[in-house]
Amino acid sequence: MPDPMNVFEHQRFRLRTPAGERVEKSFRELLTEPDAPYALDYAQAFYDVAALNLMSFLAQWLFEPADATELAERIEAPMTDEEFEAHVAPWRARFALTGDGPRFMQAPAPFDEKKAEGLEVAVFISARGDRQFLHRADADWAVSPEQAGLFLFARNTFYEGTGGRGYQKGTNGDTPVRVLVTDPGPDGTLWLRRTIWLNVLSRAQQREYAGAYADPMHLRPGDYDGLFWADPPQDDVPVGGITLRAGLGWMTAYHWLWYEEAEGICPLTGERVEGLVARKASKKSTGIAYGMKGDLDSGTRADRLFRHPNVPTEKLYDRKTGDVTGERPFLVQRIEGLTEAIGAAFFGGLSDRGAARYTLAPAVAQLYAEPLQELGLSTHLYVFGFHMLSNQKNVHGGIEQSDFVYRPVASDTPETLLVLDKAAELTHDAARFAAEAARALGQAVQRTAGAGVRAEETDDGKIRLKKLESTPSVDEPFGRDTLAAFWRAVQGHLIDYAGRIADVAGHGPDALVAEETTLKADWEDTVIREVWQQYQPVFEHYSTLPRTMPYAHAARKMLYKEISKARSVKPEPADA
């Protein structure tokens, strides 16, 4: 075999031009060629997200900027071939895709060829008896070296976290909602080079999150700043003891791809490939339960070893004292989808030390740095997450994604914090009201169908519904579809609402306070209109059936009372 291929120059990213032409570019070409708009064009959306995260990881490792000024300079113009080569040359061998090792996202050296299995088993099953998470099984899979880097990076960055404690301490644990910053181009494309850099964190931005990352410039005993596949940590590492760039390349298990002359279906592209491909891989555990030290030191279990730059969080509070007890990322909900995460994508604290209920994804918070604002970019946010179908979070049923315009709401730092705090409160309250309305809608659908209740006529001739048992969840198809349609609509409404908040916030925190009542009233009106729009077809159906007619009319009255009671801003009598 010739000199080993490497991820910088030989990983081929599949792209599409605005005219629809499919092209392939290397990381080197994307960072050094003149800017051009491209859309990532893999067979499944999660590979597009993984590809962007992979490119940002490579930029983070090789060119990590000291501060926002240096990052802005990177964003402004492509680098020269000479500059790229100067940074890559010392690392090329350690980022190899082929050869005897180390190999990128594989292992320091070959192992256990006799125990090699098909890719669908060796790479995509965490433990015996589990199902494949990212893909369904296909024994005809084959991966070329040109896609091997992304193939294994995607598996490690999107990990369901069910293979034991060591597995759960990777870059994400399970699969939180991610918010990626993009610079949109024409016809659904991106200015991809700038988008790569917009998801790279400067070291100054990393320091805004106390204890989240180890500093590669000031490593402490026990800190880790290495490449897992080449120089894995020999012992456990403390929570917050991993540098950002090392964490982005964290691995959940070792793999070794065995190349041969063959053919098969590429799981990334969905197309048949032939020539030098891998159809089998060996796998072995890391052998260390990473994160245990942090658990012992703190007395609590740490979900993650570091903060992912694209993951927003919500603060958790003690119900009695009101003290902050921790944070949680957002997951795509079974019916609600991304709605819960939309507010946190827009508004939140610029670090984990603020008072805001949400903490923005670090890559989003970084947009508030003055050097980045001076670039005048028209940024978007792309929100992505998996529908998880089991309590163990190890099977997904598709993805949720949303894209919307995003502009920082203020530039002066003290004012920014106040504005974001208030805006986060408004979007949190909006999501909470929508959840209350959804709960009332779900109960109304069940009552309308006569589920769990019986109708009784009172002495004055009115119909009353008496509960037979605790109201079950909305599992019958009509009800589930109604709630899913409601939440899809609310998600779009919430994006519009956040945009309206941002418009008001542009005039400062006092403007938000002054308009708070109006904003809340309009939001609640919007949600209630959506409730009735989704409920009306249910009512019209069941109110025409002799058996369920009394249930339907009584349930409609109850729904009106419940959503009216949930309002925080009561309408004027003339509007009631």
Protein backbone atom coordinates (compact mmCIF):
# COMPACT_ATOMS: atom_id res chain seq x y z
CA MET A 1 0.00 0.00 0.00
CA PRO A 2 1.34 3.52 -0.77
CA ASP A 3 1.83 6.20 1.87
CA PRO A 4 -1.13 6.20 4.27
CA MET A 5 -4.13 8.28 3.32
CA ASN A 6 -5.11 10.93 5.87
CA VAL A 7 -8.26 12.71 6.93
CA PHE A 8 -7.00 16.19 5.97
CA GLU A 9 -6.50 15.51 2.27
CA HIS A 10 -8.14 12.16 1.48
CA GLN A 11 -11.47 12.22 3.33
CA ARG A 12 -13.82 13.33 0.56
CA PHE A 13 -16.82 15.35 1.74
CA ARG A 14 -19.84 14.98 -0.52
CA LEU A 15 -21.24 18.37 -1.48
CA ARG A 16 -23.79 19.91 -3.80
CA THR A 17 -23.51 23.25 -5.60
CA PRO A 18 -26.42 25.73 -5.94
CA ALA A 19 -26.94 24.38 -9.47
CA GLY A 20 -27.38 20.85 -8.08
CA GLU A 21 -24.01 19.52 -9.23
CA ARG A 22 -22.47 16.96 -6.89
CA VAL A 23 -18.82 17.54 -6.02
CA GLU A 24 -16.34 16.20 -3.48
CA LYS A 25 -13.84 18.31 -1.56
CA SER A 26 -11.18 17.61 1.03
CA PHE A 27 -10.78 19.53 4.27
CA ARG A 28 -7.66 21.13 2.84
CA GLU A 29 -9.49 22.34 -0.27
CA LEU A 30 -12.39 23.75 1.74
CA LEU A 31 -10.10 25.84 3.96
CA THR A 32 -7.69 27.09 1.27
CA GLU A 33 -9.75 27.53 -1.91
CA PRO A 34 -11.74 30.71 -2.65
CA ASP A 35 -15.12 30.73 -0.93
CA ALA A 36 -17.90 28.91 -2.74
CA PRO A 37 -21.39 27.86 -1.57
CA TYR A 38 -22.00 24.16 -0.98
CA ALA A 39 -24.63 22.00 0.69
CA LEU A 40 -23.54 18.84 2.48
CA ASP A 41 -25.05 15.98 0.51
CA TYR A 42 -24.97 12.65 2.34
CA ALA A 43 -27.70 10.04 2.22
CA GLN A 44 -28.91 10.81 5.74
CA ALA A 45 -29.07 14.14 7.55
CA PHE A 46 -27.11 12.96 10.58
CA TYR A 47 -24.09 12.36 8.36
CA ASP A 48 -24.34 15.98 7.16
CA VAL A 49 -24.28 17.14 10.79
CA ALA A 50 -21.43 14.78 11.64
CA ALA A 51 -19.47 16.01 8.59
CA LEU A 52 -19.74 19.64 9.73
CA ASN A 53 -18.78 18.66 13.28
CA LEU A 54 -15.82 16.66 11.93
CA MET A 55 -14.54 19.63 9.92
CA SER A 56 -14.92 21.94 12.90
CA PHE A 57 -13.10 19.41 15.09
CA LEU A 58 -10.18 19.30 12.65
CA ALA A 59 -10.04 23.11 12.61
CA GLN A 60 -10.27 23.17 16.41
CA TRP A 61 -7.36 20.74 16.75
CA LEU A 62 -5.06 22.31 14.19
CA PHE A 63 -5.84 26.02 14.38
CA GLU A 64 -7.56 26.66 17.73
CA PRO A 65 -7.83 30.48 17.94
CA ALA A 66 -6.78 32.29 21.08
CA ASP A 67 -9.66 34.78 21.03
CA ALA A 68 -12.53 36.17 18.96
CA THR A 69 -10.22 38.53 17.07
CA GLU A 70 -8.13 35.64 15.78
CA LEU A 71 -11.27 33.65 14.98
CA ALA A 72 -12.72 36.57 13.02
CA GLU A 73 -9.54 36.70 10.95
CA ARG A 74 -9.93 33.01 10.15
CA ILE A 75 -13.55 33.56 9.10
CA GLU A 76 -12.74 36.52 6.87
CA ALA A 77 -10.51 34.83 4.30
CA PRO A 78 -9.18 31.40 3.25
CA MET A 79 -5.74 30.47 4.51
CA THR A 80 -2.83 29.82 2.20
CA ASP A 81 -1.61 26.35 1.29
CA GLU A 82 1.67 27.14 3.03
CA GLU A 83 -0.05 28.06 6.29
CA PHE A 84 -2.26 25.00 6.14
CA GLU A 85 0.71 22.73 5.51
CA ALA A 86 2.72 24.23 8.36
CA HIS A 87 0.00 23.27 10.84
CA VAL A 88 -0.88 19.89 9.31
CA ALA A 89 2.60 18.44 8.72
CA PRO A 90 3.31 17.56 12.38
CA TRP A 91 -0.04 15.75 12.69
CA ARG A 92 -0.52 14.04 9.31
CA ALA A 93 0.72 10.62 10.42
CA ARG A 94 -1.54 10.59 13.49
CA PHE A 95 -4.62 11.34 11.37
CA ALA A 96 -4.04 8.49 8.89
CA LEU A 97 -6.98 6.62 7.37
CA THR A 98 -4.91 3.65 6.20
CA GLY A 99 -1.58 2.09 7.14
CA ASP A 100 -0.46 0.13 10.17
CA GLY A 101 -1.49 2.71 12.74
CA PRO A 102 -2.34 4.80 14.41
CA ARG A 103 -5.48 5.37 12.35
CA PHE A 104 -7.96 8.22 12.76
CA MET A 105 -10.87 7.20 15.05
CA GLN A 106 -9.68 3.56 14.99
CA ALA A 107 -6.80 2.42 17.22
CA PRO A 108 -3.04 2.77 17.78
CA ALA A 109 -2.39 -0.54 15.96
CA PRO A 110 -4.20 -3.54 14.38
CA PHE A 111 -5.86 -6.10 16.66
CA ASP A 112 -8.03 -9.24 16.64
CA GLU A 113 -8.45 -9.85 12.90
CA LYS A 114 -9.75 -13.34 13.65
CA LYS A 115 -12.62 -11.76 15.62
CA ALA A 116 -13.54 -9.28 12.89
CA GLU A 117 -17.25 -8.96 12.12
CA GLY A 118 -19.36 -7.16 9.54
CA LEU A 119 -19.54 -3.38 9.88
CA GLU A 120 -23.21 -3.51 10.81
CA VAL A 121 -22.31 -5.51 13.95
CA ALA A 122 -18.80 -4.35 14.86
CA VAL A 123 -19.48 -0.62 14.53
CA PHE A 124 -23.16 -0.11 15.16
CA ILE A 125 -24.02 -2.46 18.03
CA SER A 126 -22.89 -1.35 21.50
CA ALA A 127 -23.48 -4.63 23.31
CA ARG A 128 -24.70 -8.10 22.43
CA GLY A 129 -28.44 -8.12 21.97
CA ASP A 130 -28.69 -4.39 21.23
CA ARG A 131 -30.15 -3.00 18.05
CA GLN A 132 -28.30 -0.79 15.62
CA PHE A 133 -28.75 2.85 16.62
CA LEU A 134 -27.85 4.98 13.60
CA HIS A 135 -28.62 2.36 10.93
CA ARG A 136 -30.63 -0.77 10.43
CA ALA A 137 -28.54 -3.84 9.64
CA ASP A 138 -27.17 -4.44 6.15
CA ALA A 139 -24.66 -7.24 5.69
CA ASP A 140 -23.62 -5.77 2.31
CA TRP A 141 -22.02 -2.63 3.76
CA ALA A 142 -18.59 -1.52 2.57
CA VAL A 143 -16.69 1.69 3.36
CA SER A 144 -13.89 3.18 1.30
CA PRO A 145 -10.93 4.91 2.97
CA GLU A 146 -12.23 8.22 1.58
CA GLN A 147 -15.33 7.94 3.80
CA ALA A 148 -13.89 5.93 6.70
CA GLY A 149 -13.00 8.99 8.78
CA LEU A 150 -16.53 10.39 8.71
CA PHE A 151 -18.03 6.91 9.13
CA LEU A 152 -16.29 6.34 12.46
CA PHE A 153 -16.47 9.96 13.63
CA ALA A 154 -20.26 9.91 13.15
CA ARG A 155 -20.51 6.74 15.22
CA ASN A 156 -18.50 8.25 18.06
CA THR A 157 -20.09 11.69 18.09
CA PHE A 158 -23.64 10.28 17.92
CA TYR A 159 -23.54 7.61 20.58
CA GLU A 160 -26.58 6.27 22.41
CA GLY A 161 -24.70 5.73 25.67
CA THR A 162 -25.92 2.27 26.69
CA GLY A 163 -22.68 0.31 26.69
CA GLY A 164 -21.73 0.86 30.33
CA ARG A 165 -20.27 3.75 32.29
CA GLY A 166 -17.15 4.07 30.15
CA TYR A 167 -19.27 4.45 27.06
CA GLN A 168 -21.51 7.05 28.65
CA LYS A 169 -18.63 9.46 29.18
CA GLY A 170 -18.05 10.32 25.54
CA THR A 171 -18.67 13.58 23.76
CA ASN A 172 -22.41 13.44 24.31
CA GLY A 173 -23.47 10.47 26.42
CA ASP A 174 -26.82 10.02 24.72
CA THR A 175 -27.85 12.37 21.92
CA PRO A 176 -28.69 15.93 22.98
CA VAL A 177 -30.17 18.44 20.56
CA ARG A 178 -27.40 20.31 18.73
CA VAL A 179 -27.49 23.89 17.50
CA LEU A 180 -25.04 24.63 14.70
CA VAL A 181 -24.24 28.13 13.48
CA THR A 182 -24.36 28.48 9.70
CA ASP A 183 -23.67 31.13 7.08
CA PRO A 184 -26.39 30.46 4.48
CA GLY A 185 -25.70 30.63 0.76
CA PRO A 186 -28.06 30.55 -2.25
CA ASP A 187 -30.53 27.74 -2.97
CA GLY A 188 -30.19 25.86 0.30
CA THR A 189 -26.38 25.90 0.39
CA LEU A 190 -23.90 27.22 2.95
CA TRP A 191 -20.80 29.32 2.73
CA LEU A 192 -19.16 26.21 4.06
CA ARG A 193 -15.67 27.47 4.93
CA ARG A 194 -17.09 30.25 7.10
CA THR A 195 -19.64 27.86 8.61
CA ILE A 196 -16.83 25.52 9.69
CA TRP A 197 -15.11 28.33 11.57
CA LEU A 198 -18.35 29.59 13.13
CA ASN A 199 -18.52 26.31 15.08
CA VAL A 200 -14.94 26.52 16.37
CA LEU A 201 -14.51 27.93 19.90
CA SER A 202 -11.71 30.28 20.82
CA ARG A 203 -9.83 29.56 24.03
CA ALA A 204 -11.17 32.84 25.43
CA GLN A 205 -14.74 31.61 24.85
CA GLN A 206 -13.95 28.27 26.48
CA ARG A 207 -12.85 30.07 29.65
CA GLU A 208 -16.38 31.47 30.01
CA TYR A 209 -17.48 28.03 31.22
CA ALA A 210 -15.92 27.36 34.59
CA GLY A 211 -14.57 23.84 34.86
CA ALA A 212 -15.94 22.75 31.48
CA TYR A 213 -12.66 22.37 29.60
CA ALA A 214 -9.02 21.83 30.38
CA ASP A 215 -6.78 24.56 28.94
CA PRO A 216 -4.24 23.13 26.46
CA MET A 217 -1.94 26.04 27.30
CA HIS A 218 -2.07 25.33 31.06
CA LEU A 219 -2.59 21.61 31.60
CA ARG A 220 -2.88 20.33 35.18
CA PRO A 221 -1.86 16.89 36.45
CA GLY A 222 -4.45 14.43 35.17
CA ASP A 223 -5.71 16.67 32.34
CA TYR A 224 -5.96 15.12 28.89
CA ASP A 225 -5.10 16.82 25.59
CA GLY A 226 -4.43 13.89 23.30
CA LEU A 227 -5.76 11.97 20.34
CA PHE A 228 -7.72 9.03 21.70
CA TRP A 229 -6.97 6.71 18.78
CA ALA A 230 -3.22 7.39 19.00
CA ASP A 231 -2.48 8.22 22.64
CA PRO A 232 -5.49 7.21 24.75
CA PRO A 233 -5.59 8.27 28.39
CA GLN A 234 -4.07 5.53 30.52
CA ASP A 235 -6.25 6.31 33.51
CA ASP A 236 -9.54 7.99 34.30
CA VAL A 237 -9.75 11.73 33.79
CA PRO A 238 -11.61 14.20 35.98
CA VAL A 239 -14.78 15.92 34.82
CA GLY A 240 -13.63 19.08 33.07
CA GLY A 241 -10.16 17.59 32.69
CA ILE A 242 -10.38 17.14 28.91
CA THR A 243 -9.53 19.90 26.46
CA LEU A 244 -12.27 20.80 24.01
CA ARG A 245 -10.27 19.58 21.04
CA ALA A 246 -9.54 16.24 22.72
CA GLY A 247 -13.18 15.82 23.76
CA LEU A 248 -14.44 16.32 20.22
CA GLY A 249 -12.27 13.38 19.16
CA TRP A 250 -13.27 11.16 22.10
CA MET A 251 -13.97 7.53 21.29
CA THR A 252 -16.42 5.06 22.79
CA ALA A 253 -14.52 1.94 21.67
CA TYR A 254 -11.56 0.97 19.50
CA HIS A 255 -12.18 -0.25 15.95
CA TRP A 256 -9.88 -1.49 13.21
CA LEU A 257 -11.15 -1.56 9.64
CA TRP A 258 -9.82 -4.43 7.52
CA TYR A 259 -9.41 -3.28 3.90
CA GLU A 260 -9.65 -5.62 0.92
CA GLU A 261 -10.44 -5.51 -2.78
CA ALA A 262 -14.22 -5.92 -2.77
CA GLU A 263 -17.50 -4.10 -3.29
CA GLY A 264 -20.65 -3.28 -1.36
CA ILE A 265 -23.10 -0.55 -0.39
CA CYS A 266 -21.64 2.53 1.32
CA PRO A 267 -23.78 3.36 4.41
CA LEU A 268 -22.88 7.04 4.08
CA THR A 269 -23.82 7.58 0.45
CA GLY A 270 -26.20 4.72 -0.24
CA GLU A 271 -24.26 3.95 -3.40
CA ARG A 272 -22.31 0.86 -4.48
CA VAL A 273 -18.54 1.18 -4.03
CA GLU A 274 -15.79 -1.12 -5.23
CA GLY A 275 -12.03 -1.36 -5.04
CA LEU A 276 -10.22 -0.94 -1.73
CA VAL A 277 -12.99 -1.07 0.88
CA ALA A 278 -13.59 -2.31 4.42
CA ARG A 279 -16.38 -4.84 4.89
CA LYS A 280 -15.25 -6.05 8.31
CA ALA A 281 -13.95 -4.48 11.49
CA SER A 282 -12.56 -5.58 14.84
CA LYS A 283 -13.79 -3.94 18.01
CA LYS A 284 -12.65 -3.84 21.63
CA SER A 285 -13.53 -1.87 24.73
CA THR A 286 -11.50 1.07 25.96
CA GLY A 287 -11.10 -0.91 29.19
CA ILE A 288 -11.54 2.14 31.41
CA ALA A 289 -14.77 3.49 32.92
CA TYR A 290 -14.05 7.12 32.13
CA GLY A 291 -15.77 9.61 34.41
CA MET A 292 -15.77 7.47 37.54
CA LYS A 293 -13.20 9.74 39.19
CA GLY A 294 -15.49 12.72 38.75
CA ASP A 295 -18.33 10.78 40.28
CA LEU A 296 -16.28 9.84 43.33
CA ASP A 297 -14.89 13.33 43.80
CA SER A 298 -18.22 15.11 43.52
CA GLY A 299 -20.54 12.49 44.96
CA THR A 300 -22.79 12.75 41.92
CA ARG A 301 -22.73 11.04 38.55
CA ALA A 302 -21.39 13.25 35.76
CA ASP A 303 -23.28 12.83 32.50
CA ARG A 304 -20.50 14.28 30.37
CA LEU A 305 -16.82 14.94 30.63
CA PHE A 306 -16.99 18.26 28.83
CA ARG A 307 -19.47 20.75 27.34
CA HIS A 308 -20.17 20.24 23.64
CA PRO A 309 -19.90 23.56 21.75
CA ASN A 310 -23.20 22.97 19.92
CA VAL A 311 -25.36 21.87 22.87
CA PRO A 312 -27.56 24.35 24.81
CA THR A 313 -28.70 23.48 28.32
CA GLU A 314 -31.37 24.29 30.86
CA LYS A 315 -30.62 24.94 34.52
CA LEU A 316 -32.09 22.60 37.12
CA TYR A 317 -33.36 24.04 40.41
CA ASP A 318 -34.03 22.71 43.88
CA ARG A 319 -37.80 22.92 44.35
CA LYS A 320 -37.53 24.03 47.98
CA THR A 321 -34.61 26.44 47.95
CA GLY A 322 -34.62 27.58 44.34
CA ASP A 323 -30.86 26.99 44.14
CA VAL A 324 -29.32 25.82 40.88
CA THR A 325 -28.47 22.12 41.21
CA GLY A 326 -27.16 21.38 37.73
CA GLU A 327 -27.92 21.55 34.03
CA ARG A 328 -29.50 19.28 31.49
CA PRO A 329 -29.29 19.24 27.69
CA PHE A 330 -32.39 19.00 25.54
CA LEU A 331 -33.63 15.81 23.89
CA VAL A 332 -36.14 15.54 21.07
CA GLN A 333 -39.43 14.63 22.70
CA ARG A 334 -41.64 11.85 21.34
CA ILE A 335 -44.51 14.14 20.35
CA GLU A 336 -43.29 17.67 21.15
CA GLY A 337 -40.25 17.33 18.87
CA LEU A 338 -37.77 20.22 19.09
CA THR A 339 -40.17 22.73 20.65
CA GLU A 340 -38.60 22.62 24.10
CA ALA A 341 -35.14 23.37 22.66
CA ILE A 342 -36.13 26.26 20.36
CA GLY A 343 -36.15 28.87 23.13
CA ALA A 344 -32.73 27.76 24.37
CA ALA A 345 -31.37 27.93 20.83
CA PHE A 346 -32.36 31.62 20.65
CA PHE A 347 -31.84 32.98 24.14
CA GLY A 348 -29.86 32.14 27.26
CA GLY A 349 -26.78 32.95 29.27
CA LEU A 350 -23.49 33.66 27.50
CA SER A 351 -21.81 31.37 30.03
CA ASP A 352 -22.92 28.90 32.70
CA ARG A 353 -22.43 31.54 35.40
CA GLY A 354 -25.34 33.79 34.38
CA ALA A 355 -28.79 33.99 35.91
CA ALA A 356 -30.65 32.98 32.74
CA ARG A 357 -32.66 29.78 32.89
CA TYR A 358 -31.08 28.59 29.63
CA THR A 359 -27.40 28.56 28.66
CA LEU A 360 -26.78 29.13 24.98
CA ALA A 361 -24.72 26.63 23.04
CA PRO A 362 -21.15 28.00 23.31
CA ALA A 363 -20.88 28.37 19.53
CA VAL A 364 -24.01 30.58 19.60
CA ALA A 365 -22.84 32.59 22.62
CA GLN A 366 -19.59 33.31 20.80
CA LEU A 367 -21.52 35.28 18.17
CA TYR A 368 -21.91 38.07 20.75
CA ALA A 369 -18.17 38.78 20.67
CA GLU A 370 -17.58 42.18 19.09
CA PRO A 371 -15.04 41.00 16.46
CA LEU A 372 -17.57 38.48 15.13
CA GLN A 373 -20.41 41.00 15.12
CA GLU A 374 -18.23 43.38 13.11
CA LEU A 375 -18.07 40.79 10.32
CA GLY A 376 -21.74 41.51 9.57
CA LEU A 377 -22.61 37.90 8.73
CA SER A 378 -26.25 36.87 8.24
CA THR A 379 -26.09 33.79 10.44
CA HIS A 380 -28.67 31.04 10.78
CA LEU A 381 -29.09 28.39 13.44
CA TYR A 382 -29.63 24.79 12.42
CA VAL A 383 -31.22 22.74 15.21
CA PHE A 384 -30.93 18.95 15.00
CA GLY A 385 -31.82 15.98 17.16
CA PHE A 386 -32.85 12.31 17.20
CA HIS A 387 -36.22 10.92 18.20
CA MET A 388 -35.32 8.35 20.86
CA LEU A 389 -37.81 5.49 21.13
CA SER A 390 -36.78 3.61 24.27
CA ASN A 391 -36.13 4.31 27.92
CA GLN A 392 -32.49 3.34 27.38
CA LYS A 393 -32.23 5.93 24.57
CA ASN A 394 -30.63 3.35 22.29
CA VAL A 395 -33.08 3.28 19.37
CA HIS A 396 -34.04 6.29 17.31
CA GLY A 397 -37.10 6.72 15.12
CA GLY A 398 -35.94 9.45 12.82
CA ILE A 399 -34.69 12.99 13.26
CA GLU A 400 -36.04 16.47 13.86
CA GLN A 401 -34.41 19.53 12.32
CA SER A 402 -35.17 23.21 11.95
CA ASP A 403 -33.36 26.17 10.44
CA PHE A 404 -33.96 29.85 11.15
CA VAL A 405 -32.37 33.29 10.98
CA TYR A 406 -30.42 34.32 14.06
CA ARG A 407 -28.95 37.66 14.97
CA PRO A 408 -27.52 38.63 18.37
CA VAL A 409 -29.99 40.88 20.16
CA ALA A 410 -27.53 43.42 21.59
CA SER A 411 -23.86 44.33 21.55
CA ASP A 412 -23.21 46.03 24.91
CA THR A 413 -22.28 43.27 27.38
CA PRO A 414 -24.16 44.37 30.56
CA GLU A 415 -27.28 45.08 28.54
CA THR A 416 -26.90 41.85 26.61
CA LEU A 417 -27.01 39.75 29.77
CA LEU A 418 -30.18 41.46 30.96
CA VAL A 419 -31.86 41.13 27.59
CA LEU A 420 -30.97 37.46 27.18
CA ASP A 421 -32.08 36.66 30.72
CA LYS A 422 -35.51 38.23 30.14
CA ALA A 423 -35.86 36.76 26.64
CA ALA A 424 -35.02 33.28 27.94
CA GLU A 425 -37.67 33.70 30.63
CA LEU A 426 -40.26 34.65 28.02
CA THR A 427 -39.51 31.69 25.74
CA HIS A 428 -39.42 29.29 28.71
CA ASP A 429 -42.83 30.54 29.85
CA ALA A 430 -44.09 30.23 26.28
CA ALA A 431 -43.03 26.59 26.06
CA ARG A 432 -44.56 25.88 29.47
CA PHE A 433 -47.91 27.40 28.46
CA ALA A 434 -47.88 25.36 25.24
CA ALA A 435 -47.26 22.22 27.31
CA GLU A 436 -50.23 23.04 29.57
CA ALA A 437 -52.40 23.65 26.52
CA ALA A 438 -51.23 20.37 24.98
CA ARG A 439 -52.07 18.51 28.18
CA ALA A 440 -55.59 19.98 28.12
CA LEU A 441 -55.94 19.15 24.42
CA GLY A 442 -54.84 15.55 24.99
CA GLN A 443 -57.30 15.09 27.82
CA ALA A 444 -60.07 16.65 25.71
CA VAL A 445 -59.39 14.22 22.86
CA GLN A 446 -59.65 11.27 25.24
CA ARG A 447 -62.78 12.56 26.92
CA THR A 448 -64.36 13.32 23.57
CA ALA A 449 -63.85 9.69 22.56
CA GLY A 450 -65.20 8.51 25.94
CA ALA A 451 -61.87 7.10 27.09
CA GLY A 452 -61.58 6.63 30.88
CA VAL A 453 -64.80 8.52 31.67
CA ARG A 454 -68.54 7.95 31.74
CA ALA A 455 -71.21 10.53 31.02
CA GLU A 456 -73.80 11.32 33.68
CA GLU A 457 -76.75 13.68 33.50
CA THR A 458 -77.13 16.00 36.48
CA ASP A 459 -80.47 17.02 38.04
CA ASP A 460 -80.47 20.25 36.05
CA GLY A 461 -80.04 18.36 32.77
CA LYS A 462 -76.34 19.03 32.21
CA ILE A 463 -73.88 16.36 31.11
CA ARG A 464 -71.03 15.65 33.52
CA LEU A 465 -68.04 13.40 32.83
CA LYS A 466 -66.97 11.21 35.72
CA LYS A 467 -63.52 9.65 35.65
CA LEU A 468 -63.50 5.87 35.69
CA GLU A 469 -59.75 5.56 36.11
CA SER A 470 -56.66 7.70 35.86
CA THR A 471 -56.62 9.27 32.42
CA PRO A 472 -54.25 7.29 30.22
CA SER A 473 -51.78 8.82 27.84
CA VAL A 474 -53.03 9.66 24.37
CA ASP A 475 -52.19 6.36 22.71
CA GLU A 476 -55.09 5.93 20.35
CA PRO A 477 -54.05 7.06 16.86
CA PHE A 478 -56.48 9.95 16.47
CA GLY A 479 -55.31 11.59 19.67
CA ARG A 480 -51.62 11.04 19.05
CA ASP A 481 -51.87 12.51 15.57
CA THR A 482 -53.74 15.53 16.94
CA LEU A 483 -51.05 16.26 19.51
CA ALA A 484 -48.24 15.73 16.98
CA ALA A 485 -49.89 18.20 14.59
CA PHE A 486 -50.37 20.66 17.45
CA TRP A 487 -46.69 20.53 18.42
CA ARG A 488 -45.50 20.83 14.82
CA ALA A 489 -47.52 24.01 14.49
CA VAL A 490 -46.40 25.34 17.89
CA GLN A 491 -42.75 24.81 16.97
CA GLY A 492 -43.17 27.13 13.99
CA HIS A 493 -45.11 29.63 16.08
CA LEU A 494 -42.37 29.61 18.73
CA ILE A 495 -39.70 30.44 16.15
CA ASP A 496 -41.81 33.40 15.03
CA TYR A 497 -42.38 34.41 18.65
CA ALA A 498 -38.67 34.29 19.40
CA GLY A 499 -38.06 36.49 16.37
CA ARG A 500 -40.59 38.99 17.68
CA ILE A 501 -38.90 38.97 21.10
CA ALA A 502 -35.58 39.61 19.39
CA ASP A 503 -37.05 42.61 17.56
CA VAL A 504 -38.28 44.11 20.84
CA ALA A 505 -35.04 43.19 22.62
CA GLY A 506 -33.11 45.26 20.10
CA HIS A 507 -34.43 48.28 22.01
CA GLY A 508 -33.03 47.05 25.33
CA PRO A 509 -34.24 45.21 28.44
CA ASP A 510 -36.64 48.00 29.41
CA ALA A 511 -38.49 47.52 26.14
CA LEU A 512 -38.88 43.80 26.84
CA VAL A 513 -40.26 44.50 30.30
CA ALA A 514 -42.68 47.08 28.91
CA GLU A 515 -43.93 44.73 26.20
CA GLU A 516 -43.97 41.58 28.33
CA THR A 517 -47.72 41.51 28.93
CA THR A 518 -48.52 42.15 25.27
CA LEU A 519 -46.05 39.51 24.10
CA LYS A 520 -47.42 36.90 26.49
CA ALA A 521 -51.04 37.69 25.66
CA ASP A 522 -50.42 37.39 21.93
CA TRP A 523 -48.54 34.13 22.41
CA GLU A 524 -51.29 32.62 24.50
CA ASP A 525 -53.88 33.71 21.92
CA THR A 526 -51.82 31.98 19.22
CA VAL A 527 -51.54 28.74 21.16
CA ILE A 528 -55.22 28.69 22.07
CA ARG A 529 -56.20 29.25 18.43
CA GLU A 530 -54.03 26.27 17.55
CA VAL A 531 -55.70 24.16 20.24
CA TRP A 532 -59.12 24.83 18.78
CA GLN A 533 -57.94 24.31 15.23
CA GLN A 534 -56.60 20.86 16.12
CA TYR A 535 -59.51 19.93 18.37
CA GLN A 536 -62.36 20.92 16.02
CA PRO A 537 -62.04 17.92 13.64
CA VAL A 538 -62.00 15.58 16.65
CA PHE A 539 -65.12 17.19 18.05
CA GLU A 540 -66.92 17.17 14.72
CA HIS A 541 -66.26 13.47 14.32
CA TYR A 542 -67.29 12.24 17.78
CA SER A 543 -70.18 14.69 18.26
CA THR A 544 -72.01 13.03 15.35
CA LEU A 545 -71.84 9.53 16.85
CA PRO A 546 -74.75 8.65 19.18
CA ARG A 547 -72.54 6.93 21.76
CA THR A 548 -69.95 9.71 22.07
CA MET A 549 -72.13 12.79 21.43
CA PRO A 550 -72.58 13.63 25.14
CA TYR A 551 -68.88 13.05 25.81
CA ALA A 552 -67.88 15.41 22.99
CA HIS A 553 -70.03 18.33 24.13
CA ALA A 554 -69.00 17.97 27.78
CA ALA A 555 -65.31 17.62 26.83
CA ARG A 556 -65.42 20.79 24.74
CA LYS A 557 -66.75 22.79 27.67
CA MET A 558 -64.08 21.36 29.94
CA LEU A 559 -61.36 22.21 27.41
CA TYR A 560 -62.53 25.82 27.25
CA LYS A 561 -62.41 26.13 31.03
CA GLU A 562 -58.98 24.51 31.35
CA ILE A 563 -57.18 26.60 28.73
CA SER A 564 -58.82 29.76 30.05
CA LYS A 565 -57.59 28.91 33.55
CA ALA A 566 -54.05 28.28 32.24
CA ARG A 567 -53.72 31.79 30.82
CA SER A 568 -51.36 34.11 32.66
CA VAL A 569 -52.83 37.15 30.90
CA LYS A 570 -56.61 37.21 31.07
CA PRO A 571 -58.39 38.71 28.03
CA GLU A 572 -60.60 41.72 28.40
CA PRO A 573 -64.28 40.83 28.90
CA ALA A 574 -65.13 42.07 25.42
CA ASP A 575 -62.59 39.63 23.96
CA ALA A 576 -63.61 36.63 26.08
